[in-house]
Structure formats: C-alpha cells, structure tokens
C-alpha atoms as a PDB file:
ATOM      1  CA  MET A   1    -101.126-138.199 211.894  1.00  0.00           C
ATOM      2  CA  ALA A   2    -102.389-134.417 209.891  1.00  0.00           C
ATOM      3  CA  THR A   3    -101.947-131.456 211.565  1.00  0.00           C
ATOM      4  CA  PRO A   4    -104.220-128.517 211.639  1.00  0.00           C
ATOM      5  CA  GLU A   5    -101.445-126.517 209.642  1.00  0.00           C
ATOM      6  CA  ALA A   6    -100.944-129.309 207.095  1.00  0.00           C
ATOM      7  CA  SER A   7    -101.843-128.153 203.570  1.00  0.00           C
ATOM      8  CA  TYR A   8    -102.901-130.599 201.034  1.00  0.00           C
ATOM      9  CA  GLU A   9    -102.900-129.635 196.903  1.00  0.00           C
ATOM     10  CA  VAL A  10    -105.790-130.341 195.284  1.00  0.00           C
ATOM     11  CA  VAL A  11    -105.932-130.609 191.184  1.00  0.00           C
ATOM     12  CA  PRO A  12    -108.826-129.920 189.466  1.00  0.00           C
ATOM     13  CA  VAL A  13    -109.563-132.655 186.757  1.00  0.00           C
ATOM     14  CA  GLY A  14    -112.168-130.590 184.970  1.00  0.00           C
ATOM     15  CA  TYR A  15    -114.922-127.868 185.447  1.00  0.00           C
ATOM     16  CA  VAL A  16    -118.857-127.631 184.962  1.00  0.00           C
ATOM     17  CA  ARG A  17    -120.560-126.202 181.727  1.00  0.00           C
ATOM     18  CA  SER A  18    -123.638-124.922 183.072  1.00  0.00           C
ATOM     19  CA  GLU A  19    -126.201-121.941 182.300  1.00  0.00           C
ATOM     20  CA  LEU A  20    -126.341-121.518 185.823  1.00  0.00           C
ATOM     21  CA  THR A  21    -124.631-118.224 186.478  1.00  0.00           C
ATOM     22  CA  ASP A  22    -125.983-116.706 189.414  1.00  0.00           C
ATOM     23  CA  VAL A  23    -125.150-118.422 192.634  1.00  0.00           C
ATOM     24  CA  GLY A  24    -127.920-116.555 194.280  1.00  0.00           C
ATOM     25  CA  ARG A  25    -130.817-117.714 191.614  1.00  0.00           C
ATOM     26  CA  ALA A  26    -128.812-121.925 191.587  1.00  0.00           C
ATOM     27  CA  PRO A  27    -131.259-124.304 193.206  1.00  0.00           C
ATOM     28  CA  MET A  28    -129.773-124.949 197.073  1.00  0.00           C
ATOM     29  CA  GLN A  29    -130.046-128.798 195.578  1.00  0.00           C
ATOM     30  CA  GLY A  30    -130.234-130.983 192.229  1.00  0.00           C
ATOM     31  CA  ARG A  31    -133.662-132.367 192.757  1.00  0.00           C
ATOM     32  CA  GLU A  32    -134.692-128.534 193.260  1.00  0.00           C
ATOM     33  CA  GLY A  33    -134.911-127.797 189.710  1.00  0.00           C
ATOM     34  CA  ALA A  34    -131.414-127.886 188.613  1.00  0.00           C
ATOM     35  CA  PRO A  35    -130.834-128.394 184.900  1.00  0.00           C
ATOM     36  CA  ALA A  36    -128.435-130.758 183.106  1.00  0.00           C
ATOM     37  CA  ALA A  37    -124.966-129.499 182.769  1.00  0.00           C
ATOM     38  CA  VAL A  38    -122.098-130.781 181.281  1.00  0.00           C
ATOM     39  CA  LEU A  39    -118.737-131.922 182.985  1.00  0.00           C
ATOM     40  CA  VAL A  40    -115.322-130.742 180.823  1.00  0.00           C
ATOM     41  CA  PHE A  41    -112.317-133.113 181.901  1.00  0.00           C
ATOM     42  CA  SER A  42    -109.182-132.070 181.158  1.00  0.00           C
ATOM     43  CA  GLU A  43    -107.184-133.896 178.737  1.00  0.00           C
ATOM     44  CA  PRO A  44    -104.791-135.747 181.424  1.00  0.00           C
ATOM     45  CA  PHE A  45    -107.968-136.853 183.311  1.00  0.00           C
ATOM     46  CA  ILE A  46    -109.940-137.992 179.656  1.00  0.00           C
ATOM     47  CA  ALA A  47    -108.489-141.697 180.602  1.00  0.00           C
ATOM     48  CA  ALA A  48    -110.423-141.867 183.461  1.00  0.00           C
ATOM     49  CA  LEU A  49    -113.696-141.536 182.069  1.00  0.00           C
ATOM     50  CA  ASP A  50    -113.380-145.213 181.237  1.00  0.00           C
ATOM     51  CA  GLY A  51    -116.185-147.774 182.261  1.00  0.00           C
ATOM     52  CA  LEU A  52    -118.786-144.832 182.612  1.00  0.00           C
ATOM     53  CA  SER A  53    -121.989-145.151 180.845  1.00  0.00           C
ATOM     54  CA  ALA A  54    -124.879-143.273 180.262  1.00  0.00           C
ATOM     55  CA  GLY A  55    -127.604-144.325 182.677  1.00  0.00           C
ATOM     56  CA  ASP A  56    -124.960-144.172 185.326  1.00  0.00           C
ATOM     57  CA  ASP A  57    -125.694-142.599 189.077  1.00  0.00           C
ATOM     58  CA  VAL A  58    -122.367-140.916 189.834  1.00  0.00           C
ATOM     59  CA  MET A  59    -120.974-138.261 192.612  1.00  0.00           C
ATOM     60  CA  VAL A  60    -119.565-135.464 191.505  1.00  0.00           C
ATOM     61  CA  LEU A  61    -116.999-133.291 194.267  1.00  0.00           C
ATOM     62  CA  CYS A  62    -116.898-129.737 193.027  1.00  0.00           C
ATOM     63  CA  TRP A  63    -114.530-126.970 194.970  1.00  0.00           C
ATOM     64  CA  LEU A  64    -117.184-124.251 195.361  1.00  0.00           C
ATOM     65  CA  HIS A  65    -115.052-121.754 194.740  1.00  0.00           C
ATOM     66  CA  ARG A  66    -117.621-118.658 194.954  1.00  0.00           C
ATOM     67  CA  ALA A  67    -118.013-119.635 198.857  1.00  0.00           C
ATOM     68  CA  ASP A  68    -117.138-117.646 201.834  1.00  0.00           C
ATOM     69  CA  ARG A  69    -114.321-120.006 203.621  1.00  0.00           C
ATOM     70  CA  GLU A  70    -114.850-117.936 206.555  1.00  0.00           C
ATOM     71  CA  VAL A  71    -118.453-119.117 207.224  1.00  0.00           C
ATOM     72  CA  LEU A  72    -118.699-121.441 210.514  1.00  0.00           C
ATOM     73  CA  ILE A  73    -122.188-120.765 211.449  1.00  0.00           C
ATOM     74  CA  VAL A  74    -125.251-120.217 209.175  1.00  0.00           C
ATOM     75  CA  HIS A  75    -128.956-120.178 208.979  1.00  0.00           C
ATOM     76  CA  PRO A  76    -129.869-123.769 207.657  1.00  0.00           C
ATOM     77  CA  ARG A  77    -130.936-122.843 203.826  1.00  0.00           C
ATOM     78  CA  ASP A  78    -130.203-119.552 204.251  1.00  0.00           C
ATOM     79  CA  ASP A  79    -133.842-119.278 206.152  1.00  0.00           C
ATOM     80  CA  LEU A  80    -133.403-116.590 208.810  1.00  0.00           C
ATOM     81  CA  THR A  81    -136.310-118.385 210.650  1.00  0.00           C
ATOM     82  CA  ARG A  82    -134.216-121.191 211.710  1.00  0.00           C
ATOM     83  CA  PRO A  83    -131.390-121.524 214.512  1.00  0.00           C
ATOM     84  CA  ARG A  84    -128.200-120.770 213.415  1.00  0.00           C
ATOM     85  CA  GLN A  85    -126.096-124.084 213.506  1.00  0.00           C
ATOM     86  CA  GLY A  86    -122.778-124.761 212.317  1.00  0.00           C
ATOM     87  CA  VAL A  87    -121.909-125.360 208.979  1.00  0.00           C
ATOM     88  CA  PHE A  88    -120.595-128.972 209.417  1.00  0.00           C
ATOM     89  CA  SER A  89    -124.186-130.083 210.308  1.00  0.00           C
ATOM     90  CA  THR A  90    -125.215-128.083 207.095  1.00  0.00           C
ATOM     91  CA  ARG A  91    -124.994-128.550 203.202  1.00  0.00           C
ATOM     92  CA  SER A  92    -124.468-125.071 202.997  1.00  0.00           C
ATOM     93  CA  SER A  93    -121.705-124.450 200.253  1.00  0.00           C
ATOM     94  CA  HIS A  94    -120.101-121.603 202.703  1.00  0.00           C
ATOM     95  CA  ARG A  95    -117.379-123.593 204.875  1.00  0.00           C
ATOM     96  CA  PRO A  96    -114.088-123.998 205.207  1.00  0.00           C
ATOM     97  CA  ASN A  97    -113.223-126.478 202.764  1.00  0.00           C
ATOM     98  CA  PRO A  98    -116.046-125.570 200.066  1.00  0.00           C
ATOM     99  CA  ILE A  99    -116.363-129.335 198.391  1.00  0.00           C
ATOM    100  CA  GLY A 100    -119.530-129.591 196.777  1.00  0.00           C
ATOM    101  CA  LEU A 101    -120.810-133.539 196.768  1.00  0.00           C
ATOM    102  CA  HIS A 102    -123.341-133.611 194.307  1.00  0.00           C
ATOM    103  CA  ARG A 103    -125.893-137.100 193.048  1.00  0.00           C
ATOM    104  CA  VAL A 104    -126.200-136.775 189.391  1.00  0.00           C
ATOM    105  CA  ARG A 105    -127.170-138.968 186.566  1.00  0.00           C
ATOM    106  CA  ILE A 106    -124.671-139.863 183.646  1.00  0.00           C
ATOM    107  CA  LEU A 107    -127.080-138.606 180.433  1.00  0.00           C
ATOM    108  CA  ALA A 108    -124.246-138.893 177.884  1.00  0.00           C
ATOM    109  CA  ILE A 109    -120.533-139.175 177.264  1.00  0.00           C
ATOM    110  CA  ASN A 110    -118.731-137.789 174.519  1.00  0.00           C
ATOM    111  CA  GLY A 111    -114.681-137.696 174.569  1.00  0.00           C
ATOM    112  CA  SER A 112    -113.833-134.935 177.284  1.00  0.00           C
ATOM    113  CA  GLU A 113    -117.601-134.256 177.935  1.00  0.00           C
ATOM    114  CA  VAL A 114    -120.043-136.046 180.769  1.00  0.00           C
ATOM    115  CA  GLU A 115    -123.454-134.443 180.372  1.00  0.00           C
ATOM    116  CA  VAL A 116    -124.944-135.378 183.312  1.00  0.00           C
ATOM    117  CA  SER A 117    -128.430-134.235 185.516  1.00  0.00           C
ATOM    118  CA  PRO A 118    -129.433-132.477 187.861  1.00  0.00           C
ATOM    119  CA  LEU A 119    -126.532-130.699 188.985  1.00  0.00           C
ATOM    120  CA  GLU A 120    -126.973-127.233 190.919  1.00  0.00           C
ATOM    121  CA  ALA A 121    -123.200-126.437 190.824  1.00  0.00           C
ATOM    122  CA  VAL A 122    -122.682-123.085 188.964  1.00  0.00           C
ATOM    123  CA  ASP A 123    -120.583-122.667 185.293  1.00  0.00           C
ATOM    124  CA  GLY A 124    -117.059-122.633 185.493  1.00  0.00           C
ATOM    125  CA  THR A 125    -117.136-124.616 188.969  1.00  0.00           C
ATOM    126  CA  PRO A 126    -114.047-126.429 189.180  1.00  0.00           C
ATOM    127  CA  VAL A 127    -114.584-130.633 189.261  1.00  0.00           C
ATOM    128  CA  LEU A 128    -112.258-132.295 191.544  1.00  0.00           C
ATOM    129  CA  ASP A 129    -113.610-136.121 191.091  1.00  0.00           C
ATOM    130  CA  VAL A 130    -116.142-138.501 190.382  1.00  0.00           C
ATOM    131  CA  LYS A 131    -117.106-141.690 192.277  1.00  0.00           C
ATOM    132  CA  PRO A 132    -119.492-144.316 191.072  1.00  0.00           C
ATOM    133  CA  VAL A 133    -122.649-144.885 193.245  1.00  0.00           C
ATOM    134  CA  LEU A 134    -122.412-147.871 195.166  1.00  0.00           C
ATOM    135  CA  ARG A 135    -125.163-150.184 194.723  1.00  0.00           C
ATOM    136  CA  ALA A 136    -126.405-152.550 197.712  1.00  0.00           C
ATOM    137  CA  GLU A 137    -125.061-156.134 197.393  1.00  0.00           C
ATOM    138  CA  ARG A 138    -127.694-158.786 197.952  1.00  0.00           C
END
C-alpha cells in the first residue's frame, strides 16, 4: 500500500503548443472558448499514437506546471461570492498534484503533432498521457 511519503516519477510524453500564453486569460474549461492547440509528442512516444485518428475524442492529462501546489481551499471558479471549499471538490488548477484533465477532439495527426480542440492548457504545458473516451456499449 502506498504511503503519503511515497513519491512517483512522471515523465511527460510531450507538450502543448497553443496561442494561450497567459494563465489568467485562459478559459477555465475548453467549452468556454478555448482554441485549438497542438500536442507535440517526444520521439520515444510517437509510436503510442498508433490507433488514434482525426475525429476521435480523447482525454488529455497534463501537468499544470504554473499551478500553486500549496493551495488546498479555493473559491470555486475564482468567484469570491461562492463559499470556499476544498480543491478536490473543484476543477481548480491549484492543487497538491496539478493534473489537468481535458476532453478534446482530434482534428488532425501529422507525425509527432496532434491537433486537438478545444484545449484551455497554456503553451508549454507538459502532456502526461492521452486516453480514448470510451463509448457506451450497447
């Protein structure tokens, strides 16, 4: 069983290339006006893209490298009129392990680059993993 003192190594598989550069001006969720972006995969991980296609919906896990890892309590959506609550009950980027979870659609794949939309992660955000969205079985 893992203990709180345990640590784990996570290796980014690539990074986000986006027109978004200012965290404060980025949408809080993709559906709130986030632009298309490109996931640029590092050479050792390009083979892992096999089986993905334009039109697929995927979950992108990112390391929100500009987040404050000391924050445990926030006003949801930075709305000061809402009561403060623990980050585990919010989608705040500020949290002990700032992992971003983004549902996007693949627009195109060109070698090591995967164009997706919408993505609210800022330029340079490390990509940790990509997982397909599971379709409901009938």
